[in-house]
Structures are given as C-alpha cells and as structure tokens.
Amino acid sequence: MDTAMLIEIFGYIGSVLVVVSMLMPSIVKLRVINTIGSIVSGIYALIVGAFPLVLMNSCLIIINLYNLFKLLRTKQSYELIDGNVYDTFVAYFLNRYENDIKLYFPQFEKNDLHGKKAYIVCCDGNPASILIGEEYKGVIDILIDYSTPSYRDCSAGEFLYSKLGEKKIHTLECSHKIAESHAAYLNKMGFVEKNGVYTKKIA
C-alpha cells in the first residue's frame, strides 16, 4: 500500500469519527469523539494542502474544547423523587420512553408495574432516570433501571445508588431478563453476576 493510499485512509478515518460523534447520546462523548475526528481531519487537510479545511477543523477543535471545559466544570444538580407506579409523573415517564425502555428490558410491560416502588432522578428539573422494583426488607429487585438518552454517562445512576442508602436500601438485585447492553451497564456500576442474577451492595 503506497503513501497516497495511507493518507487517503487517514482522511476517511477522520470523516468517520466526525460522523460517528453525531450519533453519541452523551454530549461529552460527542465532543470528545468530534474533537479527535477534527484533529485527524485537520492533519489530513494540512497534508493535502486543503487550508480552508484546516481552518474549519481548527475552529471545531477550539469550539469542542471550550464546550468540554464548560461541561466538565458545570456540576449537574440531581434530586431524587420516590413514589410508586400509580403516580401520574411515573406513568408519563413510562409512556414517554416506552419503546426505548423495551430495548433494554424486553419483558417490560407497564401493566406489570402497578403498585411497585419507583425512584426518579431529575437533573435541574428534567427527568434523567427511573428505577422501579419490588422492595422488601432493604432489598430492591429491579424491574426497570433506565436512563434517558441525554443522561447515559452513569452520573444519574451513581447519584441514585448513593442516595438509596438514605432510604434504608442495602442491596439491589436484578434477576429479570435484560439486554446485553444493560448487563454491560450493571457490570460497570459494580453489580456482581451469579447464576444470572446481578447484585450490588449499597454502602
């Protein structure tokens, strides 16, 4: 493979990264991947002498870094609301995100959740995540543990789990069928899998 072909491939990699960044649900991931793509595209443009593209990518890098700095400095303000599935707000949340929830919890049926305990995390007044389960003696058997697309950087989940101890919850269990993508999330959040059941102790 000659040098010209390698340079061409390098340019395509930059373009792919920029496009992929647009698919990221997390704003932070979007900015990071877009910055990397812009750096690669900028280097490619510099090599081939496309200076208008060098200028454009340089501007994108500066804009992304500026916004990343602001995002990372801004502390998200979360709050926890507890209730049950009869609550109007919980019903609205489940209706609003029903199709997306089923991607992570294939057996999800709203009618099966009536009367179950619900915990909702809001960020600056916006619904960020919801946990619904059967609660008994300090244990929650999770039926739904879902974050909206804008809050999938684990911060909403970390906040929720940190507050459950104040509600006298000491253990979370997930014994129901879930998608592989959610199993990966549980592993990342410190759940331990044994015989198909995921468990996490709350400090």
C-alpha atoms as a PDB file:
ATOM      1  CA  MET A   1       0.000   0.000   0.000  1.00  0.00           C
ATOM      2  CA  ASP A   2       1.543   3.309  -1.087  1.00  0.00           C
ATOM      3  CA  THR A   3       1.772   6.542   0.895  1.00  0.00           C
ATOM      4  CA  ALA A   4      -1.018   8.260  -1.038  1.00  0.00           C
ATOM      5  CA  MET A   5      -3.451   5.461  -0.156  1.00  0.00           C
ATOM      6  CA  LEU A   6      -2.492   5.590   3.528  1.00  0.00           C
ATOM      7  CA  ILE A   7      -3.086   9.351   3.579  1.00  0.00           C
ATOM      8  CA  GLU A   8      -6.472   8.813   1.915  1.00  0.00           C
ATOM      9  CA  ILE A   9      -7.457   6.206   4.526  1.00  0.00           C
ATOM     10  CA  PHE A  10      -6.321   8.571   7.286  1.00  0.00           C
ATOM     11  CA  GLY A  11      -8.658  11.231   5.897  1.00  0.00           C
ATOM     12  CA  TYR A  12     -11.576   8.813   5.773  1.00  0.00           C
ATOM     13  CA  ILE A  13     -10.959   7.835   9.412  1.00  0.00           C
ATOM     14  CA  GLY A  14     -11.272  11.486  10.424  1.00  0.00           C
ATOM     15  CA  SER A  15     -14.529  11.868   8.493  1.00  0.00           C
ATOM     16  CA  VAL A  16     -15.972   8.673  10.021  1.00  0.00           C
ATOM     17  CA  LEU A  17     -15.127   9.844  13.552  1.00  0.00           C
ATOM     18  CA  VAL A  18     -16.865  13.180  12.972  1.00  0.00           C
ATOM     19  CA  VAL A  19     -19.985  11.418  11.665  1.00  0.00           C
ATOM     20  CA  VAL A  20     -19.973   8.824  14.487  1.00  0.00           C
ATOM     21  CA  SER A  21     -19.724  11.616  17.075  1.00  0.00           C
ATOM     22  CA  MET A  22     -23.099  12.911  15.892  1.00  0.00           C
ATOM     23  CA  LEU A  23     -24.655   9.588  16.948  1.00  0.00           C
ATOM     24  CA  MET A  24     -23.471   9.810  20.551  1.00  0.00           C
ATOM     25  CA  PRO A  25     -26.313  10.275  23.084  1.00  0.00           C
ATOM     26  CA  SER A  26     -23.869  11.757  25.604  1.00  0.00           C
ATOM     27  CA  ILE A  27     -22.834  15.346  24.886  1.00  0.00           C
ATOM     28  CA  VAL A  28     -19.429  14.727  26.489  1.00  0.00           C
ATOM     29  CA  LYS A  29     -18.753  11.701  24.257  1.00  0.00           C
ATOM     30  CA  LEU A  30     -19.966  13.674  21.250  1.00  0.00           C
ATOM     31  CA  ARG A  31     -17.497  16.486  21.969  1.00  0.00           C
ATOM     32  CA  VAL A  32     -14.570  14.131  22.669  1.00  0.00           C
ATOM     33  CA  ILE A  33     -15.022  11.989  19.537  1.00  0.00           C
ATOM     34  CA  ASN A  34     -15.750  15.048  17.398  1.00  0.00           C
ATOM     35  CA  THR A  35     -12.525  16.653  18.647  1.00  0.00           C
ATOM     36  CA  ILE A  36     -10.492  13.549  17.765  1.00  0.00           C
ATOM     37  CA  GLY A  37     -12.152  13.390  14.342  1.00  0.00           C
ATOM     38  CA  SER A  38     -11.464  17.080  13.755  1.00  0.00           C
ATOM     39  CA  ILE A  39      -7.790  16.642  14.701  1.00  0.00           C
ATOM     40  CA  VAL A  40      -7.410  13.713  12.275  1.00  0.00           C
ATOM     41  CA  SER A  41      -9.295  15.572   9.518  1.00  0.00           C
ATOM     42  CA  GLY A  42      -7.230  18.696  10.163  1.00  0.00           C
ATOM     43  CA  ILE A  43      -3.955  16.804   9.850  1.00  0.00           C
ATOM     44  CA  TYR A  44      -5.188  15.195   6.631  1.00  0.00           C
ATOM     45  CA  ALA A  45      -6.224  18.591   5.234  1.00  0.00           C
ATOM     46  CA  LEU A  46      -2.818  20.009   6.153  1.00  0.00           C
ATOM     47  CA  ILE A  47      -1.018  17.136   4.387  1.00  0.00           C
ATOM     48  CA  VAL A  48      -3.017  17.540   1.161  1.00  0.00           C
ATOM     49  CA  GLY A  49      -2.848  21.333   1.314  1.00  0.00           C
ATOM     50  CA  ALA A  50      -6.588  21.964   1.822  1.00  0.00           C
ATOM     51  CA  PHE A  51      -6.086  25.012   4.027  1.00  0.00           C
ATOM     52  CA  PRO A  52      -9.768  26.076   4.223  1.00  0.00           C
ATOM     53  CA  LEU A  53     -10.467  22.646   5.788  1.00  0.00           C
ATOM     54  CA  VAL A  54      -7.508  23.125   8.132  1.00  0.00           C
ATOM     55  CA  LEU A  55      -9.067  26.371   9.307  1.00  0.00           C
ATOM     56  CA  MET A  56     -12.529  24.806   9.704  1.00  0.00           C
ATOM     57  CA  ASN A  57     -11.221  21.848  11.709  1.00  0.00           C
ATOM     58  CA  SER A  58      -9.079  24.124  13.863  1.00  0.00           C
ATOM     59  CA  CYS A  59     -12.206  26.129  14.728  1.00  0.00           C
ATOM     60  CA  LEU A  60     -14.122  22.932  15.538  1.00  0.00           C
ATOM     61  CA  ILE A  61     -11.338  21.759  17.854  1.00  0.00           C
ATOM     62  CA  ILE A  62     -11.356  25.077  19.730  1.00  0.00           C
ATOM     63  CA  ILE A  63     -15.177  25.086  19.996  1.00  0.00           C
ATOM     64  CA  ASN A  64     -15.260  21.479  21.230  1.00  0.00           C
ATOM     65  CA  LEU A  65     -12.517  22.018  23.810  1.00  0.00           C
ATOM     66  CA  TYR A  66     -14.222  25.170  25.086  1.00  0.00           C
ATOM     67  CA  ASN A  67     -17.566  23.390  25.465  1.00  0.00           C
ATOM     68  CA  LEU A  68     -15.932  20.335  27.042  1.00  0.00           C
ATOM     69  CA  PHE A  69     -14.279  22.605  29.598  1.00  0.00           C
ATOM     70  CA  LYS A  70     -17.659  24.158  30.423  1.00  0.00           C
ATOM     71  CA  LEU A  71     -19.411  20.780  30.613  1.00  0.00           C
ATOM     72  CA  LEU A  72     -16.808  19.273  32.921  1.00  0.00           C
ATOM     73  CA  ARG A  73     -16.751  22.324  35.176  1.00  0.00           C
ATOM     74  CA  THR A  74     -20.531  22.517  35.477  1.00  0.00           C
ATOM     75  CA  LYS A  75     -21.757  20.313  38.299  1.00  0.00           C
ATOM     76  CA  GLN A  76     -25.064  18.679  37.442  1.00  0.00           C
ATOM     77  CA  SER A  77     -27.682  19.187  40.119  1.00  0.00           C
ATOM     78  CA  TYR A  78     -29.584  15.954  40.707  1.00  0.00           C
ATOM     79  CA  GLU A  79     -32.515  15.285  43.012  1.00  0.00           C
ATOM     80  CA  LEU A  80     -34.287  12.058  43.945  1.00  0.00           C
ATOM     81  CA  ILE A  81     -38.060  11.619  43.987  1.00  0.00           C
ATOM     82  CA  ASP A  82     -39.647   8.425  45.282  1.00  0.00           C
ATOM     83  CA  GLY A  83     -43.183   7.233  44.728  1.00  0.00           C
ATOM     84  CA  ASN A  84     -44.985   4.372  43.030  1.00  0.00           C
ATOM     85  CA  VAL A  85     -46.140   3.445  39.557  1.00  0.00           C
ATOM     86  CA  TYR A  86     -49.625   4.837  40.214  1.00  0.00           C
ATOM     87  CA  ASP A  87     -48.147   8.352  40.232  1.00  0.00           C
ATOM     88  CA  THR A  88     -49.074  10.474  37.216  1.00  0.00           C
ATOM     89  CA  PHE A  89     -45.476  11.569  36.633  1.00  0.00           C
ATOM     90  CA  VAL A  90     -44.185   7.980  36.688  1.00  0.00           C
ATOM     91  CA  ALA A  91     -46.909   6.953  34.233  1.00  0.00           C
ATOM     92  CA  TYR A  92     -45.931   9.826  31.942  1.00  0.00           C
ATOM     93  CA  PHE A  93     -42.247   8.842  32.110  1.00  0.00           C
ATOM     94  CA  LEU A  94     -43.013   5.221  31.217  1.00  0.00           C
ATOM     95  CA  ASN A  95     -45.304   6.227  28.351  1.00  0.00           C
ATOM     96  CA  ARG A  96     -42.797   8.751  27.022  1.00  0.00           C
ATOM     97  CA  TYR A  97     -39.877   6.301  26.873  1.00  0.00           C
ATOM     98  CA  GLU A  98     -41.751   3.002  26.477  1.00  0.00           C
ATOM     99  CA  ASN A  99     -40.176   1.944  23.167  1.00  0.00           C
ATOM    100  CA  ASP A 100     -36.641   2.818  24.290  1.00  0.00           C
ATOM    101  CA  ILE A 101     -37.097   1.055  27.639  1.00  0.00           C
ATOM    102  CA  LYS A 102     -38.043  -2.156  25.812  1.00  0.00           C
ATOM    103  CA  LEU A 103     -34.663  -2.140  24.066  1.00  0.00           C
ATOM    104  CA  TYR A 104     -33.010  -2.692  27.460  1.00  0.00           C
ATOM    105  CA  PHE A 105     -35.815  -4.567  29.247  1.00  0.00           C
ATOM    106  CA  PRO A 106     -37.508  -6.777  26.622  1.00  0.00           C
ATOM    107  CA  GLN A 107     -40.137  -8.057  29.061  1.00  0.00           C
ATOM    108  CA  PHE A 108     -41.222  -4.569  30.073  1.00  0.00           C
ATOM    109  CA  GLU A 109     -44.997  -4.218  30.347  1.00  0.00           C
ATOM    110  CA  LYS A 110     -46.498  -1.195  32.065  1.00  0.00           C
ATOM    111  CA  ASN A 111     -49.402  -3.193  33.480  1.00  0.00           C
ATOM    112  CA  ASP A 112     -46.980  -5.448  35.376  1.00  0.00           C
ATOM    113  CA  LEU A 113     -45.553  -2.477  37.293  1.00  0.00           C
ATOM    114  CA  HIS A 114     -48.674  -1.227  39.087  1.00  0.00           C
ATOM    115  CA  GLY A 115     -48.018  -0.630  42.763  1.00  0.00           C
ATOM    116  CA  LYS A 116     -44.269  -1.187  42.508  1.00  0.00           C
ATOM    117  CA  LYS A 117     -41.814   1.218  44.148  1.00  0.00           C
ATOM    118  CA  ALA A 118     -40.368   3.894  41.866  1.00  0.00           C
ATOM    119  CA  TYR A 119     -37.364   6.198  42.255  1.00  0.00           C
ATOM    120  CA  ILE A 120     -36.928   9.036  39.765  1.00  0.00           C
ATOM    121  CA  VAL A 121     -33.768  11.098  39.353  1.00  0.00           C
ATOM    122  CA  CYS A 122     -34.219  14.607  37.945  1.00  0.00           C
ATOM    123  CA  CYS A 123     -31.453  16.903  36.741  1.00  0.00           C
ATOM    124  CA  ASP A 124     -32.286  20.597  37.009  1.00  0.00           C
ATOM    125  CA  GLY A 125     -35.955  19.644  36.889  1.00  0.00           C
ATOM    126  CA  ASN A 126     -35.613  17.312  33.892  1.00  0.00           C
ATOM    127  CA  PRO A 127     -36.296  13.553  34.267  1.00  0.00           C
ATOM    128  CA  ALA A 128     -32.966  11.733  33.923  1.00  0.00           C
ATOM    129  CA  SER A 129     -33.546   8.179  35.100  1.00  0.00           C
ATOM    130  CA  ILE A 130     -36.025   5.874  36.779  1.00  0.00           C
ATOM    131  CA  LEU A 131     -35.671   2.741  38.883  1.00  0.00           C
ATOM    132  CA  ILE A 132     -38.710   0.552  39.519  1.00  0.00           C
ATOM    133  CA  GLY A 133     -38.675  -2.614  41.559  1.00  0.00           C
ATOM    134  CA  GLU A 134     -40.115  -4.791  44.253  1.00  0.00           C
ATOM    135  CA  GLU A 135     -38.863  -3.580  47.617  1.00  0.00           C
ATOM    136  CA  TYR A 136     -38.622  -5.807  50.679  1.00  0.00           C
ATOM    137  CA  LYS A 137     -36.521  -5.605  53.851  1.00  0.00           C
ATOM    138  CA  GLY A 138     -33.958  -3.230  52.382  1.00  0.00           C
ATOM    139  CA  VAL A 139     -33.661  -5.086  49.078  1.00  0.00           C
ATOM    140  CA  ILE A 140     -34.917  -3.888  45.688  1.00  0.00           C
ATOM    141  CA  ASP A 141     -35.440  -6.478  42.973  1.00  0.00           C
ATOM    142  CA  ILE A 142     -35.057  -4.254  39.911  1.00  0.00           C
ATOM    143  CA  LEU A 143     -37.659  -4.408  37.159  1.00  0.00           C
ATOM    144  CA  ILE A 144     -36.593  -1.224  35.358  1.00  0.00           C
ATOM    145  CA  ASP A 145     -33.375   0.778  35.766  1.00  0.00           C
ATOM    146  CA  TYR A 146     -33.461   3.190  32.853  1.00  0.00           C
ATOM    147  CA  SER A 147     -31.696   6.458  31.989  1.00  0.00           C
ATOM    148  CA  THR A 148     -32.928   8.814  29.275  1.00  0.00           C
ATOM    149  CA  PRO A 149     -30.605   9.216  26.247  1.00  0.00           C
ATOM    150  CA  SER A 150     -29.182  12.536  27.476  1.00  0.00           C
ATOM    151  CA  TYR A 151     -28.034  11.071  30.822  1.00  0.00           C
ATOM    152  CA  ARG A 152     -26.215   7.873  29.906  1.00  0.00           C
ATOM    153  CA  ASP A 153     -22.834   8.860  31.286  1.00  0.00           C
ATOM    154  CA  CYS A 154     -23.608   6.889  34.517  1.00  0.00           C
ATOM    155  CA  SER A 155     -23.813  10.063  36.641  1.00  0.00           C
ATOM    156  CA  ALA A 156     -27.581   9.736  37.211  1.00  0.00           C
ATOM    157  CA  GLY A 157     -27.171   6.098  38.237  1.00  0.00           C
ATOM    158  CA  GLU A 158     -24.282   6.902  40.558  1.00  0.00           C
ATOM    159  CA  PHE A 159     -26.365   9.616  42.222  1.00  0.00           C
ATOM    160  CA  LEU A 160     -29.342   7.274  42.616  1.00  0.00           C
ATOM    161  CA  TYR A 161     -27.317   4.461  44.157  1.00  0.00           C
ATOM    162  CA  SER A 162     -25.596   6.889  46.528  1.00  0.00           C
ATOM    163  CA  LYS A 163     -28.979   8.062  47.844  1.00  0.00           C
ATOM    164  CA  LEU A 164     -30.712   4.714  48.238  1.00  0.00           C
ATOM    165  CA  GLY A 165     -28.874   4.060  51.487  1.00  0.00           C
ATOM    166  CA  GLU A 166     -30.768   7.006  52.982  1.00  0.00           C
ATOM    167  CA  LYS A 167     -33.966   5.157  52.056  1.00  0.00           C
ATOM    168  CA  LYS A 168     -32.772   2.151  54.101  1.00  0.00           C
ATOM    169  CA  ILE A 169     -31.931   0.160  50.973  1.00  0.00           C
ATOM    170  CA  HIS A 170     -28.827  -2.012  51.343  1.00  0.00           C
ATOM    171  CA  THR A 171     -28.995  -4.333  48.321  1.00  0.00           C
ATOM    172  CA  LEU A 172     -30.009  -4.095  44.662  1.00  0.00           C
ATOM    173  CA  GLU A 173     -30.826  -7.217  42.679  1.00  0.00           C
ATOM    174  CA  CYS A 174     -31.645  -7.710  39.015  1.00  0.00           C
ATOM    175  CA  SER A 175     -32.950 -11.199  38.336  1.00  0.00           C
ATOM    176  CA  HIS A 176     -35.136 -10.455  35.308  1.00  0.00           C
ATOM    177  CA  LYS A 177     -34.295 -10.701  31.632  1.00  0.00           C
ATOM    178  CA  ILE A 178     -32.287  -7.718  30.370  1.00  0.00           C
ATOM    179  CA  ALA A 179     -30.469  -6.793  27.169  1.00  0.00           C
ATOM    180  CA  GLU A 180     -26.710  -7.332  26.896  1.00  0.00           C
ATOM    181  CA  SER A 181     -26.196  -3.573  26.717  1.00  0.00           C
ATOM    182  CA  HIS A 182     -27.819  -3.145  30.124  1.00  0.00           C
ATOM    183  CA  ALA A 183     -25.850  -6.061  31.551  1.00  0.00           C
ATOM    184  CA  ALA A 184     -22.701  -4.188  30.499  1.00  0.00           C
ATOM    185  CA  TYR A 185     -24.010  -1.120  32.362  1.00  0.00           C
ATOM    186  CA  LEU A 186     -24.634  -3.158  35.520  1.00  0.00           C
ATOM    187  CA  ASN A 187     -21.096  -4.542  35.377  1.00  0.00           C
ATOM    188  CA  LYS A 188     -19.751  -1.014  35.000  1.00  0.00           C
ATOM    189  CA  MET A 189     -21.808   0.143  38.009  1.00  0.00           C
ATOM    190  CA  GLY A 190     -20.347  -2.535  40.282  1.00  0.00           C
ATOM    191  CA  PHE A 191     -23.010  -5.244  40.130  1.00  0.00           C
ATOM    192  CA  VAL A 192     -21.783  -8.816  40.537  1.00  0.00           C
ATOM    193  CA  GLU A 193     -23.373 -11.531  38.398  1.00  0.00           C
ATOM    194  CA  LYS A 194     -24.004 -15.006  39.799  1.00  0.00           C
ATOM    195  CA  ASN A 195     -26.266 -17.602  38.163  1.00  0.00           C
ATOM    196  CA  GLY A 196     -27.900 -14.920  36.024  1.00  0.00           C
ATOM    197  CA  VAL A 197     -28.679 -12.613  38.967  1.00  0.00           C
ATOM    198  CA  TYR A 198     -26.903  -9.257  39.277  1.00  0.00           C
ATOM    199  CA  THR A 199     -26.355  -7.950  42.807  1.00  0.00           C
ATOM    200  CA  LYS A 200     -24.963  -4.726  44.232  1.00  0.00           C
ATOM    201  CA  LYS A 201     -24.488  -3.818  47.891  1.00  0.00           C
ATOM    202  CA  ILE A 202     -25.316  -0.228  48.825  1.00  0.00           C
ATOM    203  CA  ALA A 203     -22.953   1.441  51.270  1.00  0.00           C
END
